[in-house]
Amino acid sequence: MTPQTHQAGPTLPPLVEPGPELTAAQIDRYRRQITLAAIGTLGQRRLGAARVLVIGAGGLGTPALQYLAGAGIGTLGVVDDDVVDLSNLHRQVIHGTDVLGRPKVDSAAAAVERINPEVNVETHPVRLSAENVVELVRGYDLVLDGADNFLTRYLVADASEITGVPVVWGAILRHHGQVSVFWPGRGAHYRDVFPEPPAPGEAPSCAEAGVLGTLPGLIGTIMASQVIQLVTGTGEPLVGRLALWDEATSSTRTLRIERDPARRPATRVEVPAALDPSCQVGGPTADETLDVPALHHLLSTGVTLIDVREPWETAAGTIDGALTVPLGEVLDRGADVLPGGVGGGEVVLYCQGGVRSAQALERLRPAWGGREGHLRHLDGGYAAWRAARPGTSSGPRG
């Protein structure tokens, strides 16, 4: 990737053929857009005929959905298998406290209906997999990938190359955001820029790293603008370019990205080995992992619980009787952080979603050899614990 001094390039052809003539009510609704010479009534008819699949009704997907609905995209597909949680609301602003616990796809569909009842919403409350991603992507003109995990990004990337459907892609981490367009046959694709995912634990989630709600709002809105440009054939979409935004310094950069000539385009969906549980080496084993029902059973027989979250997290709730030892202390001091007497009986580590407790277990395992009892961690963490209790909110993952 190389820094780019931008020069105007040729406009790409419109992605979607125009739909029916606009009604008087539609002309009134979209008057401010139609007034733009680049859009006009023909561009508005293209928007009305477009089918756009939005992956994730979360931080990036929700601002995009608002503006795509307002712009008059004819059909919006929404893919998400999660439910609305209180910790989502500072950044996923189409959801509200009145829909806590409801599927995000249903909340998103209701929000789109409020914004623009002309838009048809197709909800897909599923987790994308190698088995379903191609057929799902094939049913749309364009994909907006607002996924919050690397596995989904690689699945969508392969499905894009197999079907020829372009992808508007975005990602955020702490204060940084990225946006690009990956259109098969036109410039670089996702696997050209990111041939391998980061090692487990290298790239923290928003739950672990933190994020201001304004960052996904901004990046998601830029993604929506890319969709509009591609559908109507206007402007200069980020095909072959990667836009970077640093919220902390209010600065932007654009990098030129190019195809890897040695990489063969995808002909089938492939899960990178680093993301395939059956291929991963290391990490907690099945014997070192507990689910919530198993922990409930242990609690009745006696167990030492260690919460490796930060104190500000435990202030919002913890499992009764747990000791708080933040992950940073575990990584710095190893087994020295364990309270006296720990080592006989059962010890269970947990965090918010299971990521940090797995790291803590890796750090403590070498010092556990020869001790009585078991050292294990809770799969799904405190979020899973809370979710198993009716009427509670699970909190952020990670």
Protein backbone atom coordinates (compact mmCIF):
# COMPACT_ATOMS: atom_id res chain seq x y z
CA MET A 1 0.00 0.00 0.00
CA THR A 2 1.36 3.41 -0.93
CA PRO A 3 0.26 6.96 0.00
CA GLN A 4 -1.68 8.60 -2.81
CA THR A 5 -1.88 12.15 -4.08
CA HIS A 6 -5.40 12.05 -5.42
CA GLN A 7 -6.03 12.68 -9.09
CA ALA A 8 -9.49 12.56 -10.58
CA GLY A 9 -10.16 9.27 -12.32
CA PRO A 10 -12.86 8.03 -14.67
CA THR A 11 -16.30 7.59 -13.19
CA LEU A 12 -17.33 3.95 -12.86
CA PRO A 13 -20.49 2.75 -14.63
CA PRO A 14 -23.71 2.66 -12.59
CA LEU A 15 -24.13 -0.63 -10.80
CA VAL A 16 -27.94 -0.76 -11.06
CA GLU A 17 -30.33 -0.18 -13.94
CA PRO A 18 -33.01 2.47 -13.26
CA GLY A 19 -36.37 1.40 -11.90
CA PRO A 20 -39.83 2.78 -12.74
CA GLU A 21 -40.58 6.46 -13.21
CA LEU A 22 -40.87 8.38 -9.96
CA THR A 23 -44.23 9.29 -8.51
CA ALA A 24 -45.05 12.84 -7.47
CA ALA A 25 -44.67 11.83 -3.81
CA GLN A 26 -41.24 10.34 -4.48
CA ILE A 27 -40.11 13.47 -6.29
CA ASP A 28 -41.20 15.46 -3.27
CA ARG A 29 -39.46 13.10 -0.80
CA TYR A 30 -36.14 13.00 -2.66
CA ARG A 31 -36.22 16.54 -4.06
CA ARG A 32 -32.94 17.61 -2.41
CA GLN A 33 -31.11 14.63 -3.94
CA ILE A 34 -32.74 14.94 -7.32
CA THR A 35 -31.67 18.58 -7.46
CA LEU A 36 -28.05 17.39 -7.62
CA ALA A 37 -27.15 17.16 -11.30
CA ALA A 38 -25.14 14.00 -10.66
CA ILE A 39 -28.22 12.23 -9.27
CA GLY A 40 -31.31 13.62 -10.98
CA THR A 41 -34.40 11.52 -11.49
CA LEU A 42 -32.41 8.80 -13.28
CA GLY A 43 -30.07 8.34 -10.33
CA GLN A 44 -33.00 8.28 -7.94
CA ARG A 45 -34.62 5.55 -10.01
CA ARG A 46 -31.40 3.54 -9.78
CA LEU A 47 -31.41 3.91 -5.99
CA GLY A 48 -35.02 2.75 -5.88
CA ALA A 49 -34.16 -0.37 -7.89
CA ALA A 50 -31.07 -1.27 -5.85
CA ARG A 51 -30.77 -4.27 -3.54
CA VAL A 52 -28.14 -3.71 -0.84
CA LEU A 53 -27.13 -6.27 1.78
CA VAL A 54 -25.91 -4.78 5.06
CA ILE A 55 -23.78 -7.16 7.12
CA GLY A 56 -24.22 -6.28 10.79
CA ALA A 57 -26.84 -4.05 12.40
CA GLY A 58 -24.21 -2.71 14.79
CA GLY A 59 -21.83 0.23 14.97
CA LEU A 60 -21.15 0.53 11.23
CA GLY A 61 -24.35 -0.97 9.88
CA THR A 62 -26.81 1.19 11.79
CA PRO A 63 -25.70 4.64 10.55
CA ALA A 64 -25.43 3.21 7.04
CA LEU A 65 -28.96 1.81 7.26
CA GLN A 66 -30.35 5.21 8.31
CA TYR A 67 -28.87 7.08 5.39
CA LEU A 68 -29.48 4.35 2.82
CA ALA A 69 -33.12 4.25 3.90
CA GLY A 70 -33.33 8.02 3.68
CA ALA A 71 -31.71 7.98 0.24
CA GLY A 72 -34.40 5.63 -1.06
CA ILE A 73 -32.55 2.34 -1.59
CA GLY A 74 -35.33 0.04 -2.76
CA THR A 75 -34.41 -3.10 -0.80
CA LEU A 76 -32.17 -3.37 2.25
CA GLY A 77 -31.14 -6.79 3.48
CA VAL A 78 -29.92 -6.91 7.09
CA VAL A 79 -27.81 -9.77 8.46
CA ASP A 80 -27.25 -10.07 12.21
CA ASP A 81 -27.79 -12.87 14.71
CA ASP A 82 -27.39 -10.73 17.85
CA VAL A 83 -29.88 -8.99 20.12
CA VAL A 84 -29.90 -5.36 21.27
CA ASP A 85 -27.91 -4.82 24.45
CA LEU A 86 -27.63 -1.77 26.69
CA SER A 87 -23.91 -1.46 25.89
CA ASN A 88 -24.75 -1.08 22.17
CA LEU A 89 -26.78 2.08 22.50
CA HIS A 90 -24.02 4.71 22.72
CA ARG A 91 -23.05 3.99 19.11
CA GLN A 92 -25.84 1.92 17.51
CA VAL A 93 -28.30 4.76 17.61
CA ILE A 94 -31.18 3.29 15.62
CA HIS A 95 -31.75 0.93 18.55
CA GLY A 96 -33.26 2.19 21.79
CA THR A 97 -33.93 1.12 25.35
CA ASP A 98 -37.43 0.07 24.33
CA VAL A 99 -36.02 -2.81 22.21
CA LEU A 100 -33.41 -4.23 24.61
CA GLY A 101 -33.25 -7.99 24.15
CA ARG A 102 -34.95 -7.93 20.74
CA PRO A 103 -33.15 -9.21 17.62
CA LYS A 104 -31.15 -6.42 16.03
CA VAL A 105 -32.55 -7.21 12.59
CA ASP A 106 -36.09 -6.61 13.85
CA SER A 107 -35.11 -3.35 15.56
CA ALA A 108 -33.28 -2.20 12.44
CA ALA A 109 -36.25 -3.07 10.22
CA ALA A 110 -38.58 -1.06 12.45
CA ALA A 111 -36.20 1.92 12.34
CA VAL A 112 -36.03 1.81 8.54
CA GLU A 113 -39.83 1.68 8.42
CA ARG A 114 -40.00 4.85 10.54
CA ILE A 115 -37.49 6.64 8.29
CA ASN A 116 -38.87 5.55 4.92
CA PRO A 117 -41.81 3.14 4.63
CA GLU A 118 -41.15 2.80 0.90
CA VAL A 119 -38.00 0.75 1.57
CA ASN A 120 -38.41 -3.03 1.57
CA VAL A 121 -36.41 -4.69 4.37
CA GLU A 122 -35.33 -8.33 4.22
CA THR A 123 -34.13 -9.60 7.60
CA HIS A 124 -31.62 -12.44 7.94
CA PRO A 125 -31.23 -13.32 11.65
CA VAL A 126 -28.39 -15.76 10.94
CA ARG A 127 -24.66 -16.04 11.47
CA LEU A 128 -22.82 -16.07 8.17
CA SER A 129 -20.97 -19.29 7.39
CA ALA A 130 -19.13 -20.91 4.51
CA GLU A 131 -22.36 -22.77 3.76
CA ASN A 132 -24.77 -19.81 3.46
CA VAL A 133 -22.73 -16.73 2.52
CA VAL A 134 -22.55 -17.23 -1.26
CA GLU A 135 -26.27 -17.67 -1.82
CA LEU A 136 -27.04 -14.75 0.46
CA VAL A 137 -24.62 -12.39 -1.30
CA ARG A 138 -25.75 -13.57 -4.73
CA GLY A 139 -29.23 -12.17 -4.10
CA TYR A 140 -28.05 -8.54 -3.93
CA ASP A 141 -26.42 -5.92 -6.14
CA LEU A 142 -23.99 -4.74 -3.50
CA VAL A 143 -22.81 -5.64 0.01
CA LEU A 144 -21.97 -3.22 2.82
CA ASP A 145 -19.71 -5.15 5.18
CA GLY A 146 -19.93 -3.73 8.68
CA ALA A 147 -18.93 -6.99 10.40
CA ASP A 148 -17.12 -6.85 13.72
CA ASN A 149 -15.09 -10.03 13.26
CA PHE A 150 -12.45 -11.29 10.85
CA LEU A 151 -14.14 -14.58 10.01
CA THR A 152 -17.17 -12.83 8.52
CA ARG A 153 -14.95 -10.44 6.54
CA TYR A 154 -13.11 -13.30 4.86
CA LEU A 155 -16.35 -15.16 4.16
CA VAL A 156 -17.86 -12.06 2.53
CA ALA A 157 -14.66 -11.42 0.56
CA ASP A 158 -14.68 -14.90 -0.95
CA ALA A 159 -18.41 -14.74 -1.70
CA SER A 160 -17.82 -11.41 -3.45
CA GLU A 161 -15.21 -12.87 -5.80
CA ILE A 162 -17.32 -15.94 -6.49
CA THR A 163 -20.46 -13.94 -7.32
CA GLY A 164 -18.89 -10.75 -8.70
CA VAL A 165 -20.90 -8.65 -6.22
CA PRO A 166 -18.88 -5.62 -5.00
CA VAL A 167 -18.32 -4.93 -1.31
CA VAL A 168 -18.15 -1.61 0.52
CA TRP A 169 -15.95 -2.46 3.49
CA GLY A 170 -15.25 -0.62 6.71
CA ALA A 171 -13.53 -1.28 10.02
CA ILE A 172 -12.82 0.60 13.24
CA LEU A 173 -10.45 0.18 16.18
CA ARG A 174 -10.14 2.64 19.05
CA HIS A 175 -9.69 6.04 17.29
CA HIS A 176 -9.05 4.71 13.79
CA GLY A 177 -11.40 3.94 10.90
CA GLN A 178 -10.87 2.48 7.42
CA VAL A 179 -13.09 2.33 4.32
CA SER A 180 -12.58 0.81 0.88
CA VAL A 181 -14.51 -0.72 -2.01
CA PHE A 182 -13.63 -4.20 -3.24
CA TRP A 183 -15.14 -4.82 -6.68
CA PRO A 184 -14.02 -8.05 -8.37
CA GLY A 185 -12.20 -7.28 -11.61
CA ARG A 186 -11.73 -3.62 -10.65
CA GLY A 187 -8.76 -2.99 -8.39
CA ALA A 188 -7.60 -4.73 -5.25
CA HIS A 189 -9.73 -7.09 -3.21
CA TYR A 190 -9.88 -7.75 0.53
CA ARG A 191 -7.46 -10.70 0.47
CA ASP A 192 -4.95 -8.63 -1.53
CA VAL A 193 -4.79 -6.10 1.29
CA PHE A 194 -5.26 -8.50 4.20
CA PRO A 195 -3.94 -11.89 3.04
CA GLU A 196 -3.97 -13.33 6.57
CA PRO A 197 -5.97 -12.44 9.67
CA PRO A 198 -4.13 -11.29 12.78
CA ALA A 199 -3.17 -13.91 15.33
CA PRO A 200 -5.79 -14.58 18.02
CA GLY A 201 -5.70 -11.81 20.62
CA GLU A 202 -3.73 -9.37 18.45
CA ALA A 203 -6.73 -7.32 17.34
CA PRO A 204 -9.05 -6.57 20.28
CA SER A 205 -12.78 -6.08 19.84
CA CYS A 206 -14.49 -2.77 20.56
CA ALA A 207 -15.57 -4.26 23.90
CA GLU A 208 -11.91 -4.70 24.84
CA ALA A 209 -10.35 -1.68 23.12
CA GLY A 210 -13.18 0.84 23.50
CA VAL A 211 -14.67 3.19 20.92
CA LEU A 212 -16.48 6.54 20.85
CA GLY A 213 -19.88 6.30 19.21
CA THR A 214 -19.01 9.09 16.79
CA LEU A 215 -16.33 7.00 15.03
CA PRO A 216 -18.58 4.18 13.74
CA GLY A 217 -21.19 6.84 12.99
CA LEU A 218 -18.76 8.67 10.73
CA ILE A 219 -17.28 5.57 9.07
CA GLY A 220 -20.71 3.98 8.55
CA THR A 221 -21.97 7.16 6.92
CA ILE A 222 -18.97 7.24 4.57
CA MET A 223 -19.75 3.63 3.68
CA ALA A 224 -23.33 4.61 2.85
CA SER A 225 -22.06 7.37 0.57
CA GLN A 226 -19.91 4.81 -1.25
CA VAL A 227 -22.99 2.66 -1.83
CA ILE A 228 -24.86 5.61 -3.33
CA GLN A 229 -21.96 6.46 -5.64
CA LEU A 230 -21.65 2.87 -6.86
CA VAL A 231 -25.37 2.42 -7.45
CA THR A 232 -25.72 5.68 -9.40
CA GLY A 233 -22.33 5.73 -11.14
CA THR A 234 -21.44 9.12 -9.68
CA GLY A 235 -18.39 10.49 -7.92
CA GLU A 236 -15.17 8.55 -7.42
CA PRO A 237 -15.71 5.54 -5.15
CA LEU A 238 -12.81 4.08 -3.19
CA VAL A 239 -12.08 1.30 -5.68
CA GLY A 240 -8.34 0.63 -5.49
CA ARG A 241 -7.99 3.04 -2.57
CA LEU A 242 -8.11 2.72 1.21
CA ALA A 243 -9.27 5.76 3.17
CA LEU A 244 -7.98 6.14 6.75
CA TRP A 245 -9.46 8.41 9.43
CA ASP A 246 -7.81 9.18 12.77
CA GLU A 247 -10.43 10.57 15.12
CA ALA A 248 -7.86 11.56 17.76
CA THR A 249 -5.98 13.89 15.38
CA SER A 250 -8.86 14.69 13.00
CA SER A 251 -6.65 13.66 10.08
CA THR A 252 -7.20 11.60 6.95
CA ARG A 253 -5.01 9.69 4.53
CA THR A 254 -5.73 7.74 1.37
CA LEU A 255 -3.55 4.83 0.27
CA ARG A 256 -3.45 3.25 -3.14
CA ILE A 257 -3.97 -0.52 -2.93
CA GLU A 258 -3.23 -2.95 -5.73
CA ARG A 259 -4.01 -6.52 -6.64
CA ASP A 260 -1.55 -9.22 -5.70
CA PRO A 261 -0.72 -10.79 -9.08
CA ALA A 262 0.29 -14.05 -7.39
CA ARG A 263 -3.07 -14.50 -5.67
CA ARG A 264 -5.70 -16.58 -7.39
CA PRO A 265 -9.28 -15.28 -7.14
CA ALA A 266 -11.49 -17.31 -4.83
CA THR A 267 -13.46 -20.12 -6.43
CA ARG A 268 -14.84 -21.39 -3.13
CA VAL A 269 -15.22 -20.00 0.36
CA GLU A 270 -12.18 -20.75 2.49
CA VAL A 271 -11.88 -20.11 6.21
CA PRO A 272 -8.32 -18.98 7.06
CA ALA A 273 -6.58 -21.55 9.24
CA ALA A 274 -6.05 -18.96 11.99
CA LEU A 275 -9.83 -18.55 12.22
CA ASP A 276 -10.77 -22.24 11.92
CA PRO A 277 -11.18 -23.82 15.37
CA SER A 278 -10.35 -27.25 13.95
CA CYS A 279 -6.95 -25.97 12.77
CA GLN A 280 -5.95 -23.81 15.70
CA VAL A 281 -3.07 -24.82 17.93
CA GLY A 282 -2.88 -23.59 21.52
CA GLY A 283 -5.55 -21.77 23.48
CA PRO A 284 -7.77 -23.40 26.08
CA THR A 285 -8.59 -27.03 25.44
CA ALA A 286 -12.04 -28.55 25.83
CA ASP A 287 -10.99 -29.83 29.27
CA GLU A 288 -9.99 -26.30 30.27
CA THR A 289 -13.29 -24.73 29.22
CA LEU A 290 -16.56 -24.60 31.11
CA ASP A 291 -19.99 -23.51 29.97
CA VAL A 292 -22.51 -21.81 32.21
CA PRO A 293 -24.44 -24.97 33.27
CA ALA A 294 -21.17 -26.66 34.24
CA LEU A 295 -20.16 -23.65 36.31
CA HIS A 296 -23.54 -23.67 38.07
CA HIS A 297 -22.88 -27.26 39.07
CA LEU A 298 -19.38 -26.43 40.33
CA LEU A 299 -20.68 -23.54 42.43
CA SER A 300 -22.65 -26.00 44.50
CA THR A 301 -19.54 -28.09 45.19
CA GLY A 302 -17.00 -25.34 45.80
CA VAL A 303 -14.92 -23.33 43.33
CA THR A 304 -12.60 -20.32 43.34
CA LEU A 305 -13.79 -17.73 40.81
CA ILE A 306 -11.36 -15.13 39.44
CA ASP A 307 -12.75 -12.20 37.45
CA VAL A 308 -10.00 -10.83 35.17
CA ARG A 309 -11.97 -7.75 34.07
CA GLU A 310 -11.18 -4.19 35.08
CA PRO A 311 -12.70 -2.76 38.29
CA TRP A 312 -14.96 -0.38 36.34
CA GLU A 313 -16.46 -3.44 34.61
CA THR A 314 -17.02 -5.43 37.79
CA ALA A 315 -18.76 -2.40 39.28
CA ALA A 316 -21.60 -3.08 36.84
CA GLY A 317 -21.95 -6.66 38.08
CA THR A 318 -20.00 -9.79 38.85
CA ILE A 319 -20.58 -13.42 39.83
CA ASP A 320 -21.12 -13.67 43.58
CA GLY A 321 -17.96 -14.55 45.46
CA ALA A 322 -15.55 -13.84 42.61
CA LEU A 323 -12.10 -12.37 43.26
CA THR A 324 -11.07 -9.49 40.97
CA VAL A 325 -7.61 -9.77 39.40
CA PRO A 326 -7.41 -7.69 36.18
CA LEU A 327 -5.82 -9.36 33.17
CA GLY A 328 -2.91 -6.90 33.16
CA GLU A 329 -1.86 -8.09 36.60
CA VAL A 330 -2.18 -11.72 35.54
CA LEU A 331 0.03 -11.16 32.50
CA ASP A 332 2.62 -9.18 34.47
CA ARG A 333 2.89 -11.37 37.57
CA GLY A 334 1.66 -14.78 36.52
CA ALA A 335 0.74 -17.19 39.30
CA ASP A 336 1.91 -14.69 41.93
CA VAL A 337 -1.42 -12.90 41.57
CA LEU A 338 -3.36 -15.91 42.76
CA PRO A 339 -4.55 -15.67 46.37
CA GLY A 340 -3.05 -17.94 48.96
CA GLY A 341 -4.43 -21.43 49.02
CA VAL A 342 -5.50 -21.45 45.39
CA GLY A 343 -4.40 -24.62 43.68
CA GLY A 344 -6.36 -27.25 45.51
CA GLY A 345 -9.88 -27.67 44.20
CA GLU A 346 -11.39 -25.94 41.20
CA VAL A 347 -10.36 -22.51 39.85
CA VAL A 348 -12.37 -20.81 37.11
CA LEU A 349 -11.28 -17.64 35.32
CA TYR A 350 -13.79 -15.42 33.56
CA CYS A 351 -14.00 -12.05 31.80
CA GLN A 352 -16.79 -10.37 29.83
CA GLY A 353 -16.91 -12.66 26.81
CA GLY A 354 -14.20 -15.31 27.20
CA VAL A 355 -11.30 -13.69 25.32
CA ARG A 356 -9.30 -12.26 28.21
CA SER A 357 -9.91 -15.25 30.47
CA ALA A 358 -8.45 -17.48 27.75
CA GLN A 359 -5.34 -15.26 27.72
CA ALA A 360 -5.12 -15.45 31.50
CA LEU A 361 -5.36 -19.22 31.39
CA GLU A 362 -2.52 -19.38 28.87
CA ARG A 363 -0.37 -17.26 31.19
CA LEU A 364 -1.15 -19.31 34.32
CA ARG A 365 -1.09 -22.80 32.82
CA PRO A 366 2.71 -23.36 33.07
CA ALA A 367 2.63 -22.68 36.82
CA TRP A 368 -0.31 -25.01 37.36
CA GLY A 369 1.50 -28.27 36.66
CA GLY A 370 1.47 -30.68 39.56
CA ARG A 371 -1.23 -28.88 41.50
CA GLU A 372 -4.42 -30.53 42.55
CA GLY A 373 -7.69 -29.60 40.93
CA HIS A 374 -8.34 -27.87 37.61
CA LEU A 375 -7.65 -24.45 36.13
CA ARG A 376 -10.39 -23.55 33.67
CA HIS A 377 -12.13 -20.57 32.10
CA LEU A 378 -15.77 -19.75 31.40
CA ASP A 379 -16.76 -19.89 27.74
CA GLY A 380 -18.71 -16.76 26.86
CA GLY A 381 -17.73 -15.12 30.14
CA TYR A 382 -19.95 -12.91 32.23
CA ALA A 383 -22.05 -12.08 29.16
CA ALA A 384 -23.05 -15.74 28.88
CA TRP A 385 -23.67 -15.90 32.62
CA ARG A 386 -25.99 -12.90 32.49
CA ALA A 387 -27.73 -14.09 29.31
CA ALA A 388 -28.63 -17.36 31.06
CA ARG A 389 -30.56 -15.39 33.67
CA PRO A 390 -33.98 -14.20 32.42
CA GLY A 391 -34.56 -10.45 32.40
CA THR A 392 -30.90 -9.46 32.40
CA SER A 393 -28.65 -7.86 29.83
CA SER A 394 -25.46 -9.63 28.82
CA GLY A 395 -23.20 -6.62 28.30
CA PRO A 396 -20.46 -6.24 25.68
CA ARG A 397 -18.52 -9.16 24.35
CA GLY A 398 -14.81 -9.52 25.01
